[in-house]
Every structure is written in structure tokens, then in C-alpha cells.
C-alpha atoms as a PDB file:
ATOM      1  CA  MET A   1     -33.081  44.037  -1.157  1.00  0.00           C
ATOM      2  CA  PHE A   2     -29.712  43.435   0.461  1.00  0.00           C
ATOM      3  CA  ASP A   3     -26.690  45.036  -1.140  1.00  0.00           C
ATOM      4  CA  PRO A   4     -24.524  42.065  -2.277  1.00  0.00           C
ATOM      5  CA  ILE A   5     -21.337  44.012  -1.625  1.00  0.00           C
ATOM      6  CA  LEU A   6     -22.467  44.727   1.926  1.00  0.00           C
ATOM      7  CA  VAL A   7     -23.357  41.078   2.467  1.00  0.00           C
ATOM      8  CA  VAL A   8     -19.929  39.947   1.233  1.00  0.00           C
ATOM      9  CA  ALA A   9     -18.211  42.549   3.382  1.00  0.00           C
ATOM     10  CA  CYS A  10     -20.145  41.436   6.470  1.00  0.00           C
ATOM     11  CA  CYS A  11     -19.347  37.766   5.830  1.00  0.00           C
ATOM     12  CA  ALA A  12     -15.672  38.586   5.342  1.00  0.00           C
ATOM     13  CA  GLY A  13     -15.684  40.642   8.529  1.00  0.00           C
ATOM     14  CA  ILE A  14     -17.228  37.802  10.521  1.00  0.00           C
ATOM     15  CA  GLY A  15     -14.747  35.349   9.007  1.00  0.00           C
ATOM     16  CA  LEU A  16     -11.775  37.542   9.864  1.00  0.00           C
ATOM     17  CA  THR A  17     -13.023  38.026  13.404  1.00  0.00           C
ATOM     18  CA  LEU A  18     -13.447  34.285  13.944  1.00  0.00           C
ATOM     19  CA  THR A  19     -10.028  33.683  12.408  1.00  0.00           C
ATOM     20  CA  TYR A  20      -8.431  36.164  14.813  1.00  0.00           C
ATOM     21  CA  PHE A  21      -9.731  34.206  17.799  1.00  0.00           C
ATOM     22  CA  THR A  22      -8.912  30.827  16.209  1.00  0.00           C
ATOM     23  CA  LEU A  23      -5.299  31.416  15.165  1.00  0.00           C
ATOM     24  CA  GLY A  24      -2.799  30.201  17.717  1.00  0.00           C
ATOM     25  CA  SER A  25      -5.012  27.388  19.033  1.00  0.00           C
ATOM     26  CA  SER A  26      -4.797  23.684  18.360  1.00  0.00           C
ATOM     27  CA  ARG A  27      -6.934  20.601  18.756  1.00  0.00           C
ATOM     28  CA  VAL A  28      -4.486  17.800  19.470  1.00  0.00           C
ATOM     29  CA  PRO A  29      -5.094  14.054  19.126  1.00  0.00           C
ATOM     30  CA  VAL A  30      -4.890  12.252  22.449  1.00  0.00           C
ATOM     31  CA  ALA A  31      -1.773  10.134  22.691  1.00  0.00           C
ATOM     32  CA  LYS A  32      -2.283   6.502  23.601  1.00  0.00           C
ATOM     33  CA  ASP A  33      -0.432   7.011  26.868  1.00  0.00           C
ATOM     34  CA  ASP A  34      -2.909   9.766  27.748  1.00  0.00           C
ATOM     35  CA  ASP A  35      -5.782   7.284  27.609  1.00  0.00           C
ATOM     36  CA  GLU A  36      -4.443   5.373  30.596  1.00  0.00           C
ATOM     37  CA  THR A  37      -6.564   6.041  33.670  1.00  0.00           C
ATOM     38  CA  ASP A  38      -5.516   3.204  35.972  1.00  0.00           C
ATOM     39  CA  ASP A  39      -2.289   4.894  37.039  1.00  0.00           C
ATOM     40  CA  ASP A  40      -2.551   8.652  37.261  1.00  0.00           C
ATOM     41  CA  VAL A  41       0.986   9.034  38.567  1.00  0.00           C
ATOM     42  CA  ARG A  42       2.622   7.305  35.599  1.00  0.00           C
ATOM     43  CA  PRO A  43       4.454   9.951  33.503  1.00  0.00           C
ATOM     44  CA  VAL A  44       3.241  10.451  29.954  1.00  0.00           C
ATOM     45  CA  ARG A  45       5.912   9.656  27.377  1.00  0.00           C
ATOM     46  CA  LYS A  46       6.991  12.605  25.267  1.00  0.00           C
ATOM     47  CA  ARG A  47       5.516  12.353  21.798  1.00  0.00           C
ATOM     48  CA  ARG A  48       7.937  11.227  19.080  1.00  0.00           C
ATOM     49  CA  VAL A  49       6.636  12.511  15.740  1.00  0.00           C
ATOM     50  CA  LEU A  50       7.773  11.561  12.238  1.00  0.00           C
ATOM     51  CA  ILE A  51       6.722  13.814   9.340  1.00  0.00           C
ATOM     52  CA  VAL A  52       7.033  11.951   6.025  1.00  0.00           C
ATOM     53  CA  THR A  53       7.345  14.076   2.879  1.00  0.00           C
ATOM     54  CA  ALA A  54       8.237  13.489  -0.757  1.00  0.00           C
ATOM     55  CA  HIS A  55      10.296  16.569  -1.649  1.00  0.00           C
ATOM     56  CA  PRO A  56      12.267  19.376  -0.014  1.00  0.00           C
ATOM     57  CA  ASP A  57       9.844  22.287   0.613  1.00  0.00           C
ATOM     58  CA  ASP A  58       6.858  19.958   1.315  1.00  0.00           C
ATOM     59  CA  GLU A  59       7.596  20.373   5.013  1.00  0.00           C
ATOM     60  CA  VAL A  60       6.908  24.121   4.982  1.00  0.00           C
ATOM     61  CA  MET A  61       4.406  24.452   2.141  1.00  0.00           C
ATOM     62  CA  PHE A  62       2.049  21.882   3.646  1.00  0.00           C
ATOM     63  CA  PHE A  63       3.047  20.842   7.192  1.00  0.00           C
ATOM     64  CA  GLY A  64       4.269  24.104   8.752  1.00  0.00           C
ATOM     65  CA  PRO A  65       1.511  24.548  11.384  1.00  0.00           C
ATOM     66  CA  THR A  66       1.773  20.889  12.424  1.00  0.00           C
ATOM     67  CA  ILE A  67       5.550  20.974  12.791  1.00  0.00           C
ATOM     68  CA  LEU A  68       5.525  24.248  14.721  1.00  0.00           C
ATOM     69  CA  HIS A  69       2.901  22.941  17.117  1.00  0.00           C
ATOM     70  CA  PHE A  70       5.039  19.953  18.055  1.00  0.00           C
ATOM     71  CA  THR A  71       8.406  21.743  18.100  1.00  0.00           C
ATOM     72  CA  GLN A  72       7.293  24.928  19.887  1.00  0.00           C
ATOM     73  CA  ARG A  73       4.102  24.327  21.835  1.00  0.00           C
ATOM     74  CA  GLU A  74       4.331  20.694  22.816  1.00  0.00           C
ATOM     75  CA  GLY A  75       8.091  20.247  22.896  1.00  0.00           C
ATOM     76  CA  ALA A  76       7.835  16.886  21.169  1.00  0.00           C
ATOM     77  CA  LEU A  77      10.747  15.145  19.504  1.00  0.00           C
ATOM     78  CA  VAL A  78      10.161  15.782  15.799  1.00  0.00           C
ATOM     79  CA  TYR A  79      11.827  13.955  12.912  1.00  0.00           C
ATOM     80  CA  LEU A  80      11.523  14.600   9.184  1.00  0.00           C
ATOM     81  CA  LEU A  81      11.852  11.852   6.578  1.00  0.00           C
ATOM     82  CA  CYS A  82      12.037  13.222   3.024  1.00  0.00           C
ATOM     83  CA  LEU A  83      12.102  10.445   0.439  1.00  0.00           C
ATOM     84  CA  SER A  84      13.637  12.326  -2.494  1.00  0.00           C
ATOM     85  CA  SER A  85      16.159  15.102  -3.052  1.00  0.00           C
ATOM     86  CA  GLY A  86      13.794  17.019  -5.332  1.00  0.00           C
ATOM     87  CA  ASP A  87      16.066  16.551  -8.341  1.00  0.00           C
ATOM     88  CA  TYR A  88      13.398  16.693 -11.080  1.00  0.00           C
ATOM     89  CA  TYR A  89      14.969  19.867 -12.514  1.00  0.00           C
ATOM     90  CA  GLY A  90      18.530  18.920 -11.588  1.00  0.00           C
ATOM     91  CA  LYS A  91      18.664  21.039  -8.430  1.00  0.00           C
ATOM     92  CA  GLY A  92      18.684  18.237  -5.878  1.00  0.00           C
ATOM     93  CA  LYS A  93      22.045  19.214  -4.372  1.00  0.00           C
ATOM     94  CA  PHE A  94      20.862  22.759  -3.669  1.00  0.00           C
ATOM     95  CA  ARG A  95      17.438  21.676  -2.451  1.00  0.00           C
ATOM     96  CA  CYS A  96      18.983  19.367   0.154  1.00  0.00           C
ATOM     97  CA  LEU A  97      20.885  22.301   1.650  1.00  0.00           C
ATOM     98  CA  GLU A  98      17.758  24.458   1.513  1.00  0.00           C
ATOM     99  CA  LEU A  99      15.823  21.793   3.396  1.00  0.00           C
ATOM    100  CA  MET A 100      18.287  21.950   6.287  1.00  0.00           C
ATOM    101  CA  GLU A 101      17.925  25.720   6.524  1.00  0.00           C
ATOM    102  CA  SER A 102      14.131  25.560   6.306  1.00  0.00           C
ATOM    103  CA  CYS A 103      13.981  23.039   9.140  1.00  0.00           C
ATOM    104  CA  ARG A 104      16.114  25.332  11.292  1.00  0.00           C
ATOM    105  CA  PHE A 105      13.318  27.913  11.203  1.00  0.00           C
ATOM    106  CA  LEU A 106      10.739  25.198  11.900  1.00  0.00           C
ATOM    107  CA  GLY A 107      12.624  23.888  14.922  1.00  0.00           C
ATOM    108  CA  ILE A 108      13.690  20.471  13.600  1.00  0.00           C
ATOM    109  CA  SER A 109      17.244  19.585  14.585  1.00  0.00           C
ATOM    110  CA  LYS A 110      19.658  18.836  11.764  1.00  0.00           C
ATOM    111  CA  GLU A 111      20.370  15.386  13.180  1.00  0.00           C
ATOM    112  CA  ASN A 112      16.631  14.601  13.026  1.00  0.00           C
ATOM    113  CA  ILE A 113      16.410  15.140   9.252  1.00  0.00           C
ATOM    114  CA  MET A 114      16.625  12.058   7.034  1.00  0.00           C
ATOM    115  CA  LEU A 115      16.891  12.647   3.299  1.00  0.00           C
ATOM    116  CA  TYR A 116      16.808   9.791   0.770  1.00  0.00           C
ATOM    117  CA  ARG A 117      18.303   9.648  -2.698  1.00  0.00           C
ATOM    118  CA  CYS A 118      16.888   6.434  -4.127  1.00  0.00           C
ATOM    119  CA  ASP A 119      16.562   5.528  -7.820  1.00  0.00           C
ATOM    120  CA  GLU A 120      13.356   3.632  -7.062  1.00  0.00           C
ATOM    121  CA  LEU A 121      11.777   6.795  -5.622  1.00  0.00           C
ATOM    122  CA  PRO A 122      12.551   9.562  -8.147  1.00  0.00           C
ATOM    123  CA  ASP A 123      11.178  13.079  -7.913  1.00  0.00           C
ATOM    124  CA  ASN A 124       8.884  12.693 -10.889  1.00  0.00           C
ATOM    125  CA  PRO A 125       5.181  13.623 -11.177  1.00  0.00           C
ATOM    126  CA  SER A 126       4.576  10.812 -13.669  1.00  0.00           C
ATOM    127  CA  ILE A 127       6.148   7.915 -11.737  1.00  0.00           C
ATOM    128  CA  MET A 128       4.241   6.171  -8.938  1.00  0.00           C
ATOM    129  CA  TRP A 129       6.550   4.954  -6.203  1.00  0.00           C
ATOM    130  CA  PRO A 130       6.260   1.218  -5.391  1.00  0.00           C
ATOM    131  CA  VAL A 131       4.108   0.779  -2.296  1.00  0.00           C
ATOM    132  CA  LEU A 132       6.067  -2.039  -0.651  1.00  0.00           C
ATOM    133  CA  ARG A 133       9.473  -0.408  -1.149  1.00  0.00           C
ATOM    134  CA  THR A 134       8.199   2.909   0.162  1.00  0.00           C
ATOM    135  CA  ALA A 135       6.406   1.288   3.093  1.00  0.00           C
ATOM    136  CA  ASN A 136       9.495  -0.692   4.098  1.00  0.00           C
ATOM    137  CA  LEU A 137      11.682   2.418   4.096  1.00  0.00           C
ATOM    138  CA  ILE A 138       9.224   4.305   6.270  1.00  0.00           C
ATOM    139  CA  ASN A 139       8.670   1.382   8.612  1.00  0.00           C
ATOM    140  CA  GLN A 140      12.394   0.986   9.251  1.00  0.00           C
ATOM    141  CA  HIS A 141      12.508   4.526  10.605  1.00  0.00           C
ATOM    142  CA  LEU A 142       9.307   4.158  12.608  1.00  0.00           C
ATOM    143  CA  HIS A 143      10.787   1.253  14.554  1.00  0.00           C
ATOM    144  CA  ALA A 144      14.363   2.512  14.763  1.00  0.00           C
ATOM    145  CA  LEU A 145      13.248   5.889  16.148  1.00  0.00           C
ATOM    146  CA  ASP A 146      10.483   4.468  18.364  1.00  0.00           C
ATOM    147  CA  ILE A 147       7.922   6.765  16.713  1.00  0.00           C
ATOM    148  CA  ASN A 148       4.459   7.011  18.252  1.00  0.00           C
ATOM    149  CA  MET A 149       2.920   9.418  15.720  1.00  0.00           C
ATOM    150  CA  VAL A 150       3.541   9.462  11.963  1.00  0.00           C
ATOM    151  CA  ILE A 151       2.056  12.129   9.667  1.00  0.00           C
ATOM    152  CA  THR A 152       1.989  12.339   5.879  1.00  0.00           C
ATOM    153  CA  PHE A 153      -0.257  13.332   2.953  1.00  0.00           C
ATOM    154  CA  ASP A 154      -3.686  11.878   2.284  1.00  0.00           C
ATOM    155  CA  SER A 155      -4.679  10.060  -0.910  1.00  0.00           C
ATOM    156  CA  GLY A 156      -5.250  13.368  -2.692  1.00  0.00           C
ATOM    157  CA  GLY A 157      -1.734  14.532  -1.929  1.00  0.00           C
ATOM    158  CA  ILE A 158      -2.946  18.144  -1.402  1.00  0.00           C
ATOM    159  CA  SER A 159      -1.596  19.220  -4.797  1.00  0.00           C
ATOM    160  CA  GLY A 160      -2.413  15.991  -6.636  1.00  0.00           C
ATOM    161  CA  HIS A 161       1.283  15.053  -6.976  1.00  0.00           C
ATOM    162  CA  ILE A 162       1.469  11.266  -7.213  1.00  0.00           C
ATOM    163  CA  ASN A 163       4.677  11.161  -5.155  1.00  0.00           C
ATOM    164  CA  HIS A 164       2.628  12.651  -2.292  1.00  0.00           C
ATOM    165  CA  SER A 165      -0.167  10.126  -2.790  1.00  0.00           C
ATOM    166  CA  ALA A 166       2.368   7.282  -2.780  1.00  0.00           C
ATOM    167  CA  LEU A 167       3.313   8.142   0.804  1.00  0.00           C
ATOM    168  CA  TYR A 168      -0.300   7.810   1.877  1.00  0.00           C
ATOM    169  CA  SER A 169      -0.587   4.426   0.131  1.00  0.00           C
ATOM    170  CA  ALA A 170       2.570   3.197   1.855  1.00  0.00           C
ATOM    171  CA  ILE A 171       1.523   4.225   5.364  1.00  0.00           C
ATOM    172  CA  GLN A 172      -2.041   3.033   4.866  1.00  0.00           C
ATOM    173  CA  TYR A 173      -0.546  -0.335   3.911  1.00  0.00           C
ATOM    174  CA  LEU A 174       1.450  -0.389   7.162  1.00  0.00           C
ATOM    175  CA  VAL A 175      -1.699   0.440   9.113  1.00  0.00           C
ATOM    176  CA  GLU A 176      -3.803  -2.244   7.434  1.00  0.00           C
ATOM    177  CA  GLU A 177      -1.113  -4.908   7.835  1.00  0.00           C
ATOM    178  CA  GLU A 178      -0.512  -3.845  11.475  1.00  0.00           C
ATOM    179  CA  PHE A 179       3.210  -3.314  10.851  1.00  0.00           C
ATOM    180  CA  LEU A 180       3.434  -0.033  12.776  1.00  0.00           C
ATOM    181  CA  PRO A 181       5.155   0.031  16.180  1.00  0.00           C
ATOM    182  CA  GLU A 182       2.769  -1.037  18.931  1.00  0.00           C
ATOM    183  CA  ASP A 183       1.833   2.422  20.215  1.00  0.00           C
ATOM    184  CA  CYS A 184       2.237   4.308  16.920  1.00  0.00           C
ATOM    185  CA  GLU A 185      -0.710   6.054  15.273  1.00  0.00           C
ATOM    186  CA  ALA A 186      -0.836   7.368  11.713  1.00  0.00           C
ATOM    187  CA  PHE A 187      -2.422  10.613  10.511  1.00  0.00           C
ATOM    188  CA  SER A 188      -2.879  12.172   7.088  1.00  0.00           C
ATOM    189  CA  LEU A 189      -3.063  15.843   6.155  1.00  0.00           C
ATOM    190  CA  ASP A 190      -6.519  16.644   4.772  1.00  0.00           C
ATOM    191  CA  SER A 191      -6.840  17.767   1.170  1.00  0.00           C
ATOM    192  CA  VAL A 192      -9.566  20.341   0.492  1.00  0.00           C
ATOM    193  CA  ASN A 193     -11.104  21.615  -2.719  1.00  0.00           C
ATOM    194  CA  ILE A 194      -9.286  24.346  -4.616  1.00  0.00           C
ATOM    195  CA  PHE A 195     -11.740  27.035  -3.479  1.00  0.00           C
ATOM    196  CA  ARG A 196     -11.071  26.381   0.215  1.00  0.00           C
ATOM    197  CA  LYS A 197      -7.371  25.803  -0.443  1.00  0.00           C
ATOM    198  CA  TYR A 198      -6.900  29.423  -1.445  1.00  0.00           C
ATOM    199  CA  LEU A 199      -9.343  31.066   0.962  1.00  0.00           C
ATOM    200  CA  SER A 200      -6.448  31.662   3.332  1.00  0.00           C
ATOM    201  CA  VAL A 201      -7.647  33.159   6.632  1.00  0.00           C
ATOM    202  CA  LEU A 202     -11.323  32.815   5.736  1.00  0.00           C
ATOM    203  CA  ASP A 203     -11.139  29.011   5.753  1.00  0.00           C
ATOM    204  CA  VAL A 204      -9.484  28.773   9.178  1.00  0.00           C
ATOM    205  CA  PRO A 205     -12.647  28.959  11.357  1.00  0.00           C
ATOM    206  CA  LEU A 206     -14.504  26.400   9.211  1.00  0.00           C
ATOM    207  CA  SER A 207     -11.575  23.965   9.152  1.00  0.00           C
ATOM    208  CA  TYR A 208     -11.049  24.284  12.887  1.00  0.00           C
ATOM    209  CA  ALA A 209     -14.736  23.834  13.683  1.00  0.00           C
ATOM    210  CA  VAL A 210     -15.253  20.642  11.676  1.00  0.00           C
ATOM    211  CA  SER A 211     -11.942  18.883  12.440  1.00  0.00           C
ATOM    212  CA  SER A 212     -11.126  16.698  15.419  1.00  0.00           C
ATOM    213  CA  CYS A 213      -7.407  17.349  14.919  1.00  0.00           C
ATOM    214  CA  ALA A 214      -6.264  20.823  13.871  1.00  0.00           C
ATOM    215  CA  PHE A 215      -3.171  22.998  14.258  1.00  0.00           C
ATOM    216  CA  THR A 216      -3.124  26.738  13.638  1.00  0.00           C
ATOM    217  CA  VAL A 217      -0.313  29.274  13.845  1.00  0.00           C
ATOM    218  CA  ASP A 218      -0.048  32.589  15.622  1.00  0.00           C
ATOM    219  CA  PHE A 219       1.544  35.629  13.973  1.00  0.00           C
ATOM    220  CA  THR A 220       5.054  34.764  15.164  1.00  0.00           C
ATOM    221  CA  GLN A 221       4.778  31.230  13.803  1.00  0.00           C
ATOM    222  CA  TYR A 222       3.369  32.531  10.524  1.00  0.00           C
ATOM    223  CA  SER A 223       6.531  34.626  10.149  1.00  0.00           C
ATOM    224  CA  ALA A 224       8.648  31.539  10.852  1.00  0.00           C
ATOM    225  CA  ILE A 225       6.867  29.668   8.051  1.00  0.00           C
ATOM    226  CA  GLN A 226       7.516  32.525   5.632  1.00  0.00           C
ATOM    227  CA  ARG A 227      11.216  32.541   6.552  1.00  0.00           C
ATOM    228  CA  ALA A 228      11.387  28.766   6.158  1.00  0.00           C
ATOM    229  CA  MET A 229       9.903  28.994   2.663  1.00  0.00           C
ATOM    230  CA  LYS A 230      12.354  31.726   1.674  1.00  0.00           C
ATOM    231  CA  ALA A 231      15.138  29.332   2.656  1.00  0.00           C
ATOM    232  CA  HIS A 232      14.064  27.296  -0.404  1.00  0.00           C
ATOM    233  CA  ALA A 233      15.515  29.990  -2.641  1.00  0.00           C
ATOM    234  CA  SER A 234      15.671  27.769  -5.741  1.00  0.00           C
ATOM    235  CA  GLN A 235      11.923  27.122  -5.463  1.00  0.00           C
ATOM    236  CA  TYR A 236      10.732  30.516  -4.251  1.00  0.00           C
ATOM    237  CA  VAL A 237       9.368  31.739  -7.594  1.00  0.00           C
ATOM    238  CA  TRP A 238       6.412  34.059  -8.057  1.00  0.00           C
ATOM    239  CA  PHE A 239       3.665  31.412  -7.938  1.00  0.00           C
ATOM    240  CA  ARG A 240       5.057  29.926  -4.716  1.00  0.00           C
ATOM    241  CA  LYS A 241       5.168  33.407  -3.222  1.00  0.00           C
ATOM    242  CA  LEU A 242       1.477  33.770  -4.022  1.00  0.00           C
ATOM    243  CA  TYR A 243       0.812  30.294  -2.604  1.00  0.00           C
ATOM    244  CA  MET A 244       2.463  31.252   0.684  1.00  0.00           C
ATOM    245  CA  ILE A 245       0.183  34.284   0.925  1.00  0.00           C
ATOM    246  CA  PHE A 246      -3.135  32.724  -0.006  1.00  0.00           C
ATOM    247  CA  SER A 247      -2.864  29.042   0.953  1.00  0.00           C
ATOM    248  CA  ARG A 248      -4.779  28.007   4.057  1.00  0.00           C
ATOM    249  CA  TYR A 249      -2.101  25.326   4.679  1.00  0.00           C
ATOM    250  CA  VAL A 250       0.253  28.081   5.833  1.00  0.00           C
ATOM    251  CA  LEU A 251      -2.227  28.933   8.601  1.00  0.00           C
ATOM    252  CA  ILE A 252      -3.947  25.676   9.506  1.00  0.00           C
ATOM    253  CA  ASN A 253      -3.430  21.940   9.142  1.00  0.00           C
ATOM    254  CA  THR A 254      -6.237  19.479   9.767  1.00  0.00           C
ATOM    255  CA  LEU A 255      -5.430  15.791  10.169  1.00  0.00           C
ATOM    256  CA  THR A 256      -7.360  12.549   9.912  1.00  0.00           C
ATOM    257  CA  ARG A 257      -6.413   9.395  11.807  1.00  0.00           C
ATOM    258  CA  LEU A 258      -5.732   6.441   9.496  1.00  0.00           C
ATOM    259  CA  CYS A 259      -7.628   3.270  10.336  1.00  0.00           C
ATOM    260  CA  PRO A 260      -7.317  -0.326   9.042  1.00  0.00           C
END
């Protein structure tokens, strides 16, 4: 009979080995301009990416690998649209300042950060944001900034927060109604079950293997994500510290293209 401890140790060893060779690589969606084959000399337009979040700290807790890929590896123009100040516990003023500092570590310029304080979109886990109002706000920025890639949460919202899910509903509405800019594509961050969510490094090879769009971090970028989270000092309590250690979202993001 096999020793169960030995079997677990071998599986963990294989997983860690595969993770070592996976971290630092990315599988990037092909931009629409890249599909053009009739004019090979035409320059490809730099990607203009909008990350849409609900609260300050969403950008680092969930989208860190994606943001760092575009700011550091690809050199894309990255914008962040955060649709609330995170004032559920009355700390919105401080959280806005923390967001600016976090984005500095992630490579997003201060002038590219847009933070909304809107009574119709409160930071509240029991209030669903109106789809049309949310969609219109997002769409204004997509067109004004000439965005060609927008990224937000999926319907599960990663953590189940309904403010996160509302962003998915809004962008899915824009996709279905064909309101996005002509060359803009929408992607959602994949939610996974709670077991995989906290597998940390052991989930990286599986996620990378089964996803058509995936971003991982190297060790330097992992340190940048940790520094960005510490910038959210008002939110950096013990359970968030544990999350930043064990969450696979700190190491890998997998995205799904939204279709009508």
C-alpha cells in the first residue's frame, strides 16, 4: 500500500515544481489589431486597458497579476475606474488615499485613476447597483479614453460581493447591446471554488493549463503586490494578511472573454 503522506508530499512537490516554471509567464489575448494580416507593416496600436473595480483594494487583492502584466511587461496604457470610495465603515477618505499609493506600486499613474463617490453606487454588500446607471458610467469612460480592453469581475464576483457582481452585469449589458467602442473587448476575472481559491501556488499550474488567457507574477512582482496591499493600511487586518499569503489571485489571474 502507498503511504498517503508520501503520496501527498509527491503531489505537492510536483505542483511546486510546475508552479516554479509557470510563474512569470502569461497567456495574452490577441488584440484585434493583431489579427490583421493584410498589412504586415501597419503598426499595432498600444493596448489601452481599463480595470473596473468596486472598492479601493480590489485592484491589488484580485487584479494584481493582470495589472502588473500590462504595466510592466507589455507597457500598455492602464487606467483604473473604481466606482466607490469604500466608505461602508466610514473610512472612505482614507481608503481613497490608500488607493493612490497602492496603484503607485502597481504602476498605474495617478492621473489614470478615476474614483467615484456616487450615492446610487454605495459601498454596501446588501445593495445591488442599478445596471443601467453603472453601465452608463463605465461606457462614458470607455469611449472618452478610447479603451480597447476592459476587465472586471465575473458574475460570481470572486468573493460573492454583490457590488462586484454588479460590475459584471453592467459590462455584460454593454456587450450584449453592442455599446462598447468598436475595437473594445471585455474580459471577466474567473471565480473559482473556495478550495482552489486558497491553494495558492498549487493552483497555478492547473489554472494556467486550462485557461486561454492567464497572467502570472514572478517573485519581484509578487513583492510589489504585497507592498501595494500594505498601502491599504486601514484594511490590512489579520484575515487580509492571510488572504495575501494563501490566495491564488495574488499569483495568477485567469480571464474569460465576454460574448453577446
